[in-house]
Amino acid sequence: MAQKSAPAAADPAWAAFEAEALPHLDRLFRLAMWFERNRSEAEDLVQETMMQALQSFHRFRPGTNCRAWLTTILQNVRSNRRRARGRSLLVDDPDDRIGHATPFVPPVPQELTDGELLGALGRIPVVFQEVIVLCDVEELTYKEIADALAIPLGTVMSRLHRGRALLRAELGHRRQSIVSGPTSETTHGMPRRS
């Protein structure tokens, strides 16, 4: 049985794939790095995603958002790989996490560093991280996110709202602890005398 090889450069389907999909390779890799947090795993994920995209390119509708289509494939590959490894991610119950959040969410300071933002994003549950990254970093629409994650549109909006609230709370608490200065037990950073 002959194996299928990658389309030759002269093939019109390959040329269309090259024109539509390859420009999104960098953003796809950046997204894979965010999800996997391991260069080798991210490279494997992107390679498998692009192979599946090439095999399924006949299903892509020209004129639609190719990046969203590739993101959907990446999410499916990622889910299948996790399932195959028998590994499941334990996620805090979002309702427990929300229930313990303070009602007042402090404003997010404008002088945030990338490290502070990424650290705070890493401290919220993965289900919220995914939606925030796809919406605010990758700039996908709610519908595209819903399709990519195979969840209802309302769930996307809910997770985005809750995720942003958790992120603001994380950033506010972090900044508050940095800039709050001396406590009531100290004076100018030195212990109070009795």
N, C-alpha and C. Protein backbone atom coordinates (compact mmCIF):
# COMPACT_ATOMS: atom_id res chain seq x y z
N MET A 1 0.85 -1.18 0.00
CA MET A 1 0.00 0.00 0.00
C MET A 1 0.89 1.24 0.00
N ALA A 2 0.68 2.12 -0.93
CA ALA A 2 1.50 3.32 -1.05
C ALA A 2 1.06 4.35 -0.02
N GLN A 3 2.07 5.00 0.58
CA GLN A 3 1.77 6.03 1.56
C GLN A 3 1.59 7.36 0.86
N LYS A 4 0.69 8.17 1.40
CA LYS A 4 0.48 9.51 0.86
C LYS A 4 1.64 10.39 1.29
N SER A 5 2.19 11.14 0.39
CA SER A 5 3.25 12.07 0.75
C SER A 5 2.69 13.48 0.71
N ALA A 6 3.46 14.40 1.25
CA ALA A 6 3.03 15.80 1.26
C ALA A 6 2.87 16.27 -0.18
N PRO A 7 1.90 17.12 -0.44
CA PRO A 7 1.67 17.60 -1.81
C PRO A 7 2.91 18.31 -2.35
N ALA A 8 3.14 18.15 -3.60
CA ALA A 8 4.26 18.83 -4.25
C ALA A 8 3.97 20.32 -4.32
N ALA A 9 5.02 21.10 -4.44
CA ALA A 9 4.87 22.56 -4.46
C ALA A 9 4.02 23.01 -5.65
N ALA A 10 3.98 22.22 -6.73
CA ALA A 10 3.21 22.59 -7.91
C ALA A 10 1.71 22.33 -7.74
N ASP A 11 1.34 21.57 -6.75
CA ASP A 11 -0.06 21.22 -6.50
C ASP A 11 -0.83 22.46 -6.05
N PRO A 12 -1.97 22.77 -6.69
CA PRO A 12 -2.75 23.96 -6.30
C PRO A 12 -3.27 23.88 -4.87
N ALA A 13 -3.58 22.68 -4.39
CA ALA A 13 -4.06 22.54 -3.01
C ALA A 13 -2.95 22.92 -2.03
N TRP A 14 -1.73 22.50 -2.34
CA TRP A 14 -0.59 22.84 -1.47
C TRP A 14 -0.36 24.35 -1.49
N ALA A 15 -0.44 24.95 -2.67
CA ALA A 15 -0.25 26.40 -2.79
C ALA A 15 -1.32 27.14 -1.98
N ALA A 16 -2.55 26.67 -2.02
CA ALA A 16 -3.63 27.30 -1.25
C ALA A 16 -3.38 27.13 0.25
N PHE A 17 -2.94 25.95 0.65
CA PHE A 17 -2.63 25.70 2.07
C PHE A 17 -1.50 26.62 2.52
N GLU A 18 -0.47 26.71 1.69
CA GLU A 18 0.66 27.59 2.01
C GLU A 18 0.21 29.03 2.19
N ALA A 19 -0.65 29.49 1.30
CA ALA A 19 -1.11 30.88 1.34
C ALA A 19 -2.02 31.15 2.53
N GLU A 20 -2.90 30.21 2.85
CA GLU A 20 -3.89 30.42 3.92
C GLU A 20 -3.34 30.10 5.31
N ALA A 21 -2.69 28.95 5.47
CA ALA A 21 -2.36 28.43 6.80
C ALA A 21 -0.98 28.83 7.30
N LEU A 22 0.02 28.79 6.44
CA LEU A 22 1.38 29.02 6.91
C LEU A 22 1.62 30.41 7.52
N PRO A 23 0.94 31.47 7.07
CA PRO A 23 1.15 32.76 7.73
C PRO A 23 0.76 32.76 9.22
N HIS A 24 -0.02 31.80 9.65
CA HIS A 24 -0.47 31.74 11.05
C HIS A 24 0.41 30.84 11.92
N LEU A 25 1.47 30.32 11.36
CA LEU A 25 2.31 29.36 12.06
C LEU A 25 2.91 29.95 13.34
N ASP A 26 3.41 31.19 13.28
CA ASP A 26 4.02 31.81 14.46
C ASP A 26 3.01 31.98 15.60
N ARG A 27 1.83 32.47 15.27
CA ARG A 27 0.81 32.67 16.31
C ARG A 27 0.33 31.34 16.87
N LEU A 28 0.25 30.32 16.00
CA LEU A 28 -0.15 28.99 16.44
C LEU A 28 0.90 28.42 17.40
N PHE A 29 2.17 28.64 17.08
CA PHE A 29 3.24 28.16 17.96
C PHE A 29 3.21 28.89 19.30
N ARG A 30 2.98 30.20 19.25
CA ARG A 30 2.91 30.98 20.49
C ARG A 30 1.78 30.48 21.37
N LEU A 31 0.64 30.16 20.76
CA LEU A 31 -0.50 29.63 21.51
C LEU A 31 -0.16 28.25 22.09
N ALA A 32 0.48 27.41 21.29
CA ALA A 32 0.88 26.08 21.77
C ALA A 32 1.87 26.20 22.92
N MET A 33 2.79 27.15 22.84
CA MET A 33 3.74 27.37 23.94
C MET A 33 3.01 27.80 25.20
N TRP A 34 2.00 28.62 25.04
CA TRP A 34 1.25 29.06 26.21
C TRP A 34 0.56 27.87 26.87
N PHE A 35 -0.07 27.03 26.06
CA PHE A 35 -0.80 25.89 26.61
C PHE A 35 0.13 24.82 27.18
N GLU A 36 1.21 24.52 26.48
CA GLU A 36 2.09 23.41 26.89
C GLU A 36 3.18 23.83 27.86
N ARG A 37 3.66 25.07 27.74
CA ARG A 37 4.74 25.59 28.57
C ARG A 37 6.01 24.73 28.47
N ASN A 38 6.19 24.14 27.29
CA ASN A 38 7.34 23.29 27.03
C ASN A 38 7.58 23.35 25.53
N ARG A 39 8.76 23.80 25.14
CA ARG A 39 9.04 24.03 23.71
C ARG A 39 8.87 22.77 22.88
N SER A 40 9.42 21.67 23.35
CA SER A 40 9.34 20.42 22.60
C SER A 40 7.89 19.96 22.42
N GLU A 41 7.11 20.03 23.50
CA GLU A 41 5.69 19.65 23.43
C GLU A 41 4.93 20.58 22.49
N ALA A 42 5.25 21.88 22.56
CA ALA A 42 4.58 22.85 21.70
C ALA A 42 4.91 22.60 20.23
N GLU A 43 6.18 22.30 19.94
CA GLU A 43 6.57 22.01 18.57
C GLU A 43 5.84 20.78 18.04
N ASP A 44 5.77 19.74 18.87
CA ASP A 44 5.05 18.52 18.47
C ASP A 44 3.57 18.81 18.22
N LEU A 45 2.99 19.62 19.10
CA LEU A 45 1.57 19.96 18.98
C LEU A 45 1.30 20.72 17.69
N VAL A 46 2.16 21.70 17.39
CA VAL A 46 1.98 22.49 16.16
C VAL A 46 2.21 21.61 14.93
N GLN A 47 3.22 20.75 14.98
CA GLN A 47 3.48 19.87 13.83
C GLN A 47 2.29 18.97 13.56
N GLU A 48 1.76 18.35 14.60
CA GLU A 48 0.60 17.48 14.43
C GLU A 48 -0.62 18.27 13.95
N THR A 49 -0.78 19.48 14.48
CA THR A 49 -1.88 20.35 14.06
C THR A 49 -1.78 20.67 12.57
N MET A 50 -0.59 21.05 12.13
CA MET A 50 -0.41 21.41 10.72
C MET A 50 -0.58 20.19 9.81
N MET A 51 -0.14 19.02 10.27
CA MET A 51 -0.34 17.81 9.46
C MET A 51 -1.83 17.52 9.30
N GLN A 52 -2.57 17.63 10.40
CA GLN A 52 -4.01 17.39 10.31
C GLN A 52 -4.70 18.47 9.48
N ALA A 53 -4.24 19.70 9.61
CA ALA A 53 -4.82 20.79 8.82
C ALA A 53 -4.59 20.54 7.33
N LEU A 54 -3.40 20.08 6.99
CA LEU A 54 -3.09 19.79 5.59
C LEU A 54 -3.98 18.66 5.07
N GLN A 55 -4.13 17.61 5.87
CA GLN A 55 -4.97 16.48 5.46
C GLN A 55 -6.43 16.88 5.35
N SER A 56 -6.86 17.85 6.15
CA SER A 56 -8.27 18.26 6.17
C SER A 56 -8.52 19.56 5.42
N PHE A 57 -7.52 20.04 4.70
CA PHE A 57 -7.65 21.35 4.08
C PHE A 57 -8.81 21.42 3.08
N HIS A 58 -9.21 20.31 2.53
CA HIS A 58 -10.35 20.30 1.61
C HIS A 58 -11.65 20.71 2.32
N ARG A 59 -11.66 20.64 3.67
CA ARG A 59 -12.85 21.03 4.44
C ARG A 59 -12.85 22.52 4.80
N PHE A 60 -11.69 23.17 4.66
CA PHE A 60 -11.60 24.59 4.98
C PHE A 60 -12.37 25.39 3.94
N ARG A 61 -13.19 26.33 4.42
CA ARG A 61 -13.97 27.19 3.51
C ARG A 61 -13.19 28.48 3.26
N PRO A 62 -12.72 28.68 2.03
CA PRO A 62 -12.00 29.91 1.72
C PRO A 62 -12.85 31.14 2.07
N GLY A 63 -12.18 32.15 2.57
CA GLY A 63 -12.88 33.37 2.96
C GLY A 63 -13.25 33.41 4.43
N THR A 64 -13.10 32.26 5.12
CA THR A 64 -13.36 32.24 6.56
C THR A 64 -12.04 32.45 7.30
N ASN A 65 -12.09 32.52 8.60
CA ASN A 65 -10.92 32.79 9.42
C ASN A 65 -10.06 31.53 9.56
N CYS A 66 -8.97 31.47 8.84
CA CYS A 66 -8.10 30.30 8.86
C CYS A 66 -7.44 30.13 10.22
N ARG A 67 -7.11 31.23 10.88
CA ARG A 67 -6.47 31.13 12.20
C ARG A 67 -7.41 30.48 13.21
N ALA A 68 -8.69 30.82 13.15
CA ALA A 68 -9.68 30.20 14.04
C ALA A 68 -9.82 28.72 13.71
N TRP A 69 -9.80 28.38 12.43
CA TRP A 69 -9.89 26.98 12.00
C TRP A 69 -8.69 26.20 12.52
N LEU A 70 -7.48 26.77 12.40
CA LEU A 70 -6.27 26.12 12.89
C LEU A 70 -6.29 26.00 14.42
N THR A 71 -6.81 27.01 15.09
CA THR A 71 -6.90 26.97 16.55
C THR A 71 -7.83 25.85 16.99
N THR A 72 -8.92 25.65 16.27
CA THR A 72 -9.84 24.55 16.58
C THR A 72 -9.12 23.21 16.43
N ILE A 73 -8.37 23.06 15.36
CA ILE A 73 -7.62 21.81 15.16
C ILE A 73 -6.60 21.63 16.27
N LEU A 74 -5.89 22.70 16.63
CA LEU A 74 -4.90 22.62 17.71
C LEU A 74 -5.55 22.17 19.01
N GLN A 75 -6.71 22.73 19.33
CA GLN A 75 -7.41 22.35 20.57
C GLN A 75 -7.82 20.88 20.52
N ASN A 76 -8.30 20.42 19.37
CA ASN A 76 -8.70 19.02 19.24
C ASN A 76 -7.50 18.09 19.38
N VAL A 77 -6.39 18.45 18.74
CA VAL A 77 -5.17 17.64 18.85
C VAL A 77 -4.70 17.61 20.30
N ARG A 78 -4.73 18.76 20.93
CA ARG A 78 -4.30 18.86 22.34
C ARG A 78 -5.17 17.98 23.23
N SER A 79 -6.48 18.03 23.04
CA SER A 79 -7.40 17.20 23.83
C SER A 79 -7.15 15.72 23.59
N ASN A 80 -6.99 15.35 22.34
CA ASN A 80 -6.74 13.95 22.01
C ASN A 80 -5.42 13.45 22.60
N ARG A 81 -4.40 14.29 22.58
CA ARG A 81 -3.10 13.90 23.14
C ARG A 81 -3.19 13.73 24.65
N ARG A 82 -3.90 14.63 25.31
CA ARG A 82 -4.06 14.50 26.77
C ARG A 82 -4.82 13.24 27.11
N ARG A 83 -5.87 12.99 26.36
CA ARG A 83 -6.69 11.79 26.59
C ARG A 83 -5.86 10.53 26.37
N ALA A 84 -5.06 10.54 25.32
CA ALA A 84 -4.23 9.37 24.98
C ALA A 84 -3.18 9.11 26.06
N ARG A 85 -2.67 10.16 26.65
CA ARG A 85 -1.67 10.00 27.72
C ARG A 85 -2.31 9.58 29.03
N GLY A 86 -3.64 9.64 29.07
CA GLY A 86 -4.33 9.28 30.31
C GLY A 86 -4.15 10.32 31.39
N ARG A 87 -3.76 11.50 30.97
CA ARG A 87 -3.51 12.58 31.92
C ARG A 87 -4.71 13.51 31.92
N SER A 88 -5.18 13.84 33.07
CA SER A 88 -6.26 14.82 33.14
C SER A 88 -5.79 15.97 34.00
N LEU A 89 -6.17 17.15 33.61
CA LEU A 89 -5.80 18.33 34.38
C LEU A 89 -6.82 18.54 35.48
N LEU A 90 -6.33 18.69 36.69
CA LEU A 90 -7.23 18.98 37.80
C LEU A 90 -7.39 20.48 37.87
N VAL A 91 -8.60 20.91 37.81
CA VAL A 91 -8.90 22.33 37.82
C VAL A 91 -9.74 22.63 39.06
N ASP A 92 -9.40 23.73 39.72
CA ASP A 92 -10.22 24.15 40.85
C ASP A 92 -11.66 24.32 40.38
N ASP A 93 -12.59 24.02 41.25
CA ASP A 93 -13.99 24.25 40.91
C ASP A 93 -14.19 25.76 40.78
N PRO A 94 -14.59 26.24 39.60
CA PRO A 94 -14.73 27.67 39.40
C PRO A 94 -15.68 28.33 40.40
N ASP A 95 -16.75 27.63 40.79
CA ASP A 95 -17.68 28.23 41.74
C ASP A 95 -17.04 28.43 43.10
N ASP A 96 -16.19 27.48 43.53
CA ASP A 96 -15.47 27.65 44.79
C ASP A 96 -14.54 28.85 44.71
N ARG A 97 -13.84 28.96 43.59
CA ARG A 97 -12.89 30.03 43.41
C ARG A 97 -13.59 31.39 43.38
N ILE A 98 -14.71 31.46 42.67
CA ILE A 98 -15.47 32.71 42.58
C ILE A 98 -16.07 33.05 43.94
N GLY A 99 -16.56 32.02 44.65
CA GLY A 99 -17.18 32.25 45.94
C GLY A 99 -16.25 32.87 46.96
N HIS A 100 -14.95 32.62 46.82
CA HIS A 100 -13.98 33.16 47.77
C HIS A 100 -13.38 34.48 47.31
N ALA A 101 -13.74 34.93 46.11
CA ALA A 101 -13.22 36.19 45.60
C ALA A 101 -13.91 37.34 46.34
N THR A 102 -13.16 38.39 46.55
CA THR A 102 -13.74 39.54 47.22
C THR A 102 -14.69 40.26 46.28
N PRO A 103 -15.78 40.83 46.80
CA PRO A 103 -16.74 41.49 45.93
C PRO A 103 -16.15 42.71 45.22
N PHE A 104 -15.26 43.43 45.90
CA PHE A 104 -14.64 44.59 45.27
C PHE A 104 -13.41 44.12 44.51
N VAL A 105 -13.37 44.43 43.23
CA VAL A 105 -12.21 44.08 42.43
C VAL A 105 -11.42 45.36 42.20
N PRO A 106 -10.21 45.43 42.75
CA PRO A 106 -9.42 46.65 42.60
C PRO A 106 -9.05 46.90 41.14
N PRO A 107 -8.89 48.16 40.77
CA PRO A 107 -8.51 48.46 39.39
C PRO A 107 -7.12 47.91 39.10
N VAL A 108 -6.90 47.56 37.84
CA VAL A 108 -5.61 47.01 37.44
C VAL A 108 -4.65 48.17 37.18
N PRO A 109 -3.49 48.18 37.83
CA PRO A 109 -2.53 49.26 37.61
C PRO A 109 -2.04 49.28 36.16
N GLN A 110 -1.75 50.47 35.68
CA GLN A 110 -1.31 50.63 34.30
C GLN A 110 0.16 50.24 34.10
N GLU A 111 0.94 50.22 35.18
CA GLU A 111 2.38 49.96 35.05
C GLU A 111 2.73 48.50 35.29
N LEU A 112 1.88 47.59 34.85
CA LEU A 112 2.13 46.16 35.01
C LEU A 112 3.26 45.70 34.10
N THR A 113 4.05 44.77 34.60
CA THR A 113 5.06 44.16 33.74
C THR A 113 4.45 42.91 33.11
N ASP A 114 5.05 42.46 32.03
CA ASP A 114 4.58 41.23 31.39
C ASP A 114 4.67 40.06 32.36
N GLY A 115 5.74 40.03 33.15
CA GLY A 115 5.92 38.94 34.11
C GLY A 115 4.81 38.90 35.15
N GLU A 116 4.41 40.07 35.64
CA GLU A 116 3.32 40.12 36.62
C GLU A 116 2.01 39.64 36.00
N LEU A 117 1.75 40.08 34.78
CA LEU A 117 0.52 39.68 34.09
C LEU A 117 0.50 38.18 33.82
N LEU A 118 1.60 37.64 33.30
CA LEU A 118 1.67 36.21 33.02
C LEU A 118 1.59 35.38 34.30
N GLY A 119 2.22 35.87 35.36
CA GLY A 119 2.15 35.17 36.65
C GLY A 119 0.73 35.12 37.18
N ALA A 120 0.03 36.25 37.10
CA ALA A 120 -1.36 36.29 37.57
C ALA A 120 -2.24 35.41 36.70
N LEU A 121 -2.02 35.42 35.40
CA LEU A 121 -2.79 34.57 34.50
C LEU A 121 -2.56 33.10 34.81
N GLY A 122 -1.33 32.76 35.16
CA GLY A 122 -1.00 31.38 35.51
C GLY A 122 -1.63 30.91 36.81
N ARG A 123 -2.06 31.85 37.65
CA ARG A 123 -2.66 31.47 38.94
C ARG A 123 -4.17 31.28 38.88
N ILE A 124 -4.78 31.56 37.74
CA ILE A 124 -6.23 31.33 37.64
C ILE A 124 -6.45 29.98 36.95
N PRO A 125 -7.60 29.36 37.12
CA PRO A 125 -7.85 28.04 36.52
C PRO A 125 -7.70 28.05 35.00
N VAL A 126 -7.24 26.92 34.47
CA VAL A 126 -6.94 26.77 33.05
C VAL A 126 -8.14 27.07 32.16
N VAL A 127 -9.35 26.69 32.59
CA VAL A 127 -10.53 26.94 31.74
C VAL A 127 -10.71 28.43 31.48
N PHE A 128 -10.33 29.26 32.43
CA PHE A 128 -10.43 30.71 32.24
C PHE A 128 -9.23 31.23 31.44
N GLN A 129 -8.04 30.66 31.70
CA GLN A 129 -6.84 31.06 30.95
C GLN A 129 -7.06 30.89 29.45
N GLU A 130 -7.59 29.73 29.06
CA GLU A 130 -7.78 29.43 27.64
C GLU A 130 -8.64 30.49 26.96
N VAL A 131 -9.76 30.82 27.57
CA VAL A 131 -10.68 31.78 26.95
C VAL A 131 -10.07 33.18 26.91
N ILE A 132 -9.39 33.58 27.97
CA ILE A 132 -8.75 34.90 28.00
C ILE A 132 -7.67 35.00 26.93
N VAL A 133 -6.83 33.98 26.83
CA VAL A 133 -5.76 34.01 25.83
C VAL A 133 -6.33 34.04 24.42
N LEU A 134 -7.33 33.20 24.15
CA LEU A 134 -7.91 33.16 22.80
C LEU A 134 -8.61 34.47 22.45
N CYS A 135 -9.24 35.12 23.42
CA CYS A 135 -9.96 36.36 23.15
C CYS A 135 -9.03 37.57 23.14
N ASP A 136 -8.27 37.74 24.21
CA ASP A 136 -7.51 38.97 24.39
C ASP A 136 -6.12 38.96 23.75
N VAL A 137 -5.54 37.78 23.57
CA VAL A 137 -4.22 37.71 22.94
C VAL A 137 -4.36 37.34 21.47
N GLU A 138 -5.09 36.27 21.20
CA GLU A 138 -5.24 35.80 19.82
C GLU A 138 -6.34 36.54 19.07
N GLU A 139 -7.14 37.32 19.77
CA GLU A 139 -8.19 38.16 19.19
C GLU A 139 -9.22 37.39 18.38
N LEU A 140 -9.58 36.19 18.86
CA LEU A 140 -10.65 35.43 18.21
C LEU A 140 -11.99 35.97 18.69
N THR A 141 -13.02 35.82 17.88
CA THR A 141 -14.36 36.23 18.30
C THR A 141 -14.92 35.20 19.27
N TYR A 142 -15.98 35.56 19.97
CA TYR A 142 -16.61 34.62 20.91
C TYR A 142 -17.04 33.35 20.18
N LYS A 143 -17.60 33.52 19.00
CA LYS A 143 -18.05 32.36 18.22
C LYS A 143 -16.88 31.46 17.84
N GLU A 144 -15.78 32.08 17.41
CA GLU A 144 -14.59 31.30 17.04
C GLU A 144 -14.03 30.56 18.25
N ILE A 145 -14.06 31.20 19.41
CA ILE A 145 -13.59 30.54 20.63
C ILE A 145 -14.51 29.38 20.98
N ALA A 146 -15.81 29.60 20.88
CA ALA A 146 -16.78 28.53 21.17
C ALA A 146 -16.54 27.34 20.25
N ASP A 147 -16.31 27.60 18.98
CA ASP A 147 -16.04 26.52 18.03
C ASP A 147 -14.72 25.82 18.35
N ALA A 148 -13.69 26.61 18.66
CA ALA A 148 -12.37 26.04 18.93
C ALA A 148 -12.38 25.15 20.18
N LEU A 149 -13.10 25.57 21.20
CA LEU A 149 -13.12 24.82 22.46
C LEU A 149 -14.29 23.85 22.55
N ALA A 150 -15.16 23.88 21.54
CA ALA A 150 -16.35 23.01 21.50
C ALA A 150 -17.21 23.21 22.75
N ILE A 151 -17.48 24.49 23.05
CA ILE A 151 -18.34 24.85 24.18
C ILE A 151 -19.38 25.85 23.68
N PRO A 152 -20.51 25.98 24.41
CA PRO A 152 -21.52 26.95 23.99
C PRO A 152 -21.01 28.40 24.07
N LEU A 153 -21.60 29.25 23.26
CA LEU A 153 -21.23 30.66 23.22
C LEU A 153 -21.41 31.32 24.59
N GLY A 154 -22.50 30.99 25.27
CA GLY A 154 -22.74 31.55 26.60
C GLY A 154 -21.66 31.17 27.59
N THR A 155 -21.13 29.96 27.46
CA THR A 155 -20.05 29.51 28.34
C THR A 155 -18.79 30.32 28.09
N VAL A 156 -18.53 30.65 26.83
CA VAL A 156 -17.37 31.48 26.49
C VAL A 156 -17.50 32.83 27.19
N MET A 157 -18.67 33.45 27.06
CA MET A 157 -18.87 34.78 27.66
C MET A 157 -18.78 34.70 29.18
N SER A 158 -19.35 33.67 29.77
CA SER A 158 -19.31 33.50 31.21
C SER A 158 -17.88 33.29 31.70
N ARG A 159 -17.15 32.40 31.03
CA ARG A 159 -15.76 32.14 31.44
C ARG A 159 -14.89 33.36 31.25
N LEU A 160 -15.14 34.12 30.20
CA LEU A 160 -14.36 35.32 29.96
C LEU A 160 -14.63 36.35 31.06
N HIS A 161 -15.90 36.53 31.41
CA HIS A 161 -16.25 37.47 32.47
C HIS A 161 -15.63 37.04 33.81
N ARG A 162 -15.83 35.78 34.17
CA ARG A 162 -15.28 35.28 35.44
C ARG A 162 -13.76 35.28 35.42
N GLY A 163 -13.19 34.87 34.30
CA GLY A 163 -11.73 34.83 34.19
C GLY A 163 -11.10 36.20 34.33
N ARG A 164 -11.69 37.19 33.67
CA ARG A 164 -11.17 38.56 33.78
C ARG A 164 -11.31 39.08 35.21
N ALA A 165 -12.41 38.73 35.87
CA ALA A 165 -12.59 39.15 37.26
C ALA A 165 -11.53 38.52 38.15
N LEU A 166 -11.27 37.23 37.95
CA LEU A 166 -10.23 36.55 38.73
C LEU A 166 -8.86 37.15 38.44
N LEU A 167 -8.60 37.45 37.17
CA LEU A 167 -7.32 38.03 36.78
C LEU A 167 -7.14 39.41 37.41
N ARG A 168 -8.19 40.24 37.36
CA ARG A 168 -8.11 41.56 38.01
C ARG A 168 -7.86 41.41 39.50
N ALA A 169 -8.55 40.46 40.13
CA ALA A 169 -8.36 40.25 41.57
C ALA A 169 -6.93 39.81 41.86
N GLU A 170 -6.40 38.89 41.06
CA GLU A 170 -5.02 38.42 41.25
C GLU A 170 -4.04 39.58 41.09
N LEU A 171 -4.24 40.39 40.06
CA LEU A 171 -3.35 41.52 39.82
C LEU A 171 -3.48 42.57 40.91
N GLY A 172 -4.70 42.82 41.34
CA GLY A 172 -4.92 43.81 42.40
C GLY A 172 -4.32 43.38 43.72
N HIS A 173 -4.49 42.11 44.08
CA HIS A 173 -3.93 41.61 45.34
C HIS A 173 -2.41 41.63 45.29
N ARG A 174 -1.85 41.28 44.16
CA ARG A 174 -0.39 41.26 44.00
C ARG A 174 0.16 42.67 44.13
N ARG A 175 -0.46 43.61 43.43
CA ARG A 175 0.01 44.99 43.47
C ARG A 175 -0.18 45.60 44.85
N GLN A 176 -1.30 45.27 45.48
CA GLN A 176 -1.59 45.81 46.80
C GLN A 176 -0.52 45.37 47.79
N SER A 177 -0.08 44.12 47.71
CA SER A 177 0.92 43.62 48.64
C SER A 177 2.28 44.25 48.37
N ILE A 178 2.54 44.63 47.11
CA ILE A 178 3.82 45.24 46.78
C ILE A 178 3.87 46.69 47.23
N VAL A 179 2.78 47.44 47.00
CA VAL A 179 2.81 48.87 47.27
C VAL A 179 2.18 49.27 48.60
N SER A 180 1.70 48.31 49.38
CA SER A 180 1.01 48.68 50.61
C SER A 180 1.93 49.28 51.65
N GLY A 181 3.23 49.00 51.56
CA GLY A 181 4.17 49.62 52.48
C GLY A 181 4.11 49.02 53.87
N PRO A 182 4.57 49.79 54.87
CA PRO A 182 4.63 49.28 56.24
C PRO A 182 3.24 48.97 56.79
N THR A 183 3.16 47.94 57.61
CA THR A 183 1.90 47.59 58.26
C THR A 183 1.75 48.42 59.52
N SER A 184 0.64 48.25 60.21
CA SER A 184 0.41 49.01 61.44
C SER A 184 1.39 48.60 62.54
N GLU A 185 2.05 47.47 62.37
CA GLU A 185 3.02 47.01 63.36
C GLU A 185 4.39 47.63 63.15
N THR A 186 4.56 48.38 62.07
CA THR A 186 5.86 48.97 61.79
C THR A 186 5.73 50.46 61.56
N THR A 187 6.83 51.15 61.72
CA THR A 187 6.90 52.57 61.43
C THR A 187 8.09 52.76 60.50
N HIS A 188 7.84 53.25 59.31
CA HIS A 188 8.89 53.46 58.31
C HIS A 188 9.69 52.18 58.08
N GLY A 189 9.01 51.03 58.12
CA GLY A 189 9.68 49.77 57.84
C GLY A 189 10.37 49.16 59.05
N MET A 190 10.38 49.87 60.18
CA MET A 190 11.05 49.37 61.39
C MET A 190 9.99 48.99 62.42
N PRO A 191 10.25 47.97 63.26
CA PRO A 191 9.28 47.59 64.29
C PRO A 191 9.02 48.75 65.24
N ARG A 192 7.76 48.88 65.67
CA ARG A 192 7.38 49.92 66.62
C ARG A 192 7.89 49.60 68.01
N ARG A 193 8.28 50.64 68.72
CA ARG A 193 8.69 50.45 70.11
C ARG A 193 7.47 50.50 71.00
N SER A 194 7.46 49.68 72.01
CA SER A 194 6.33 49.68 72.95
C SER A 194 6.55 50.65 74.06
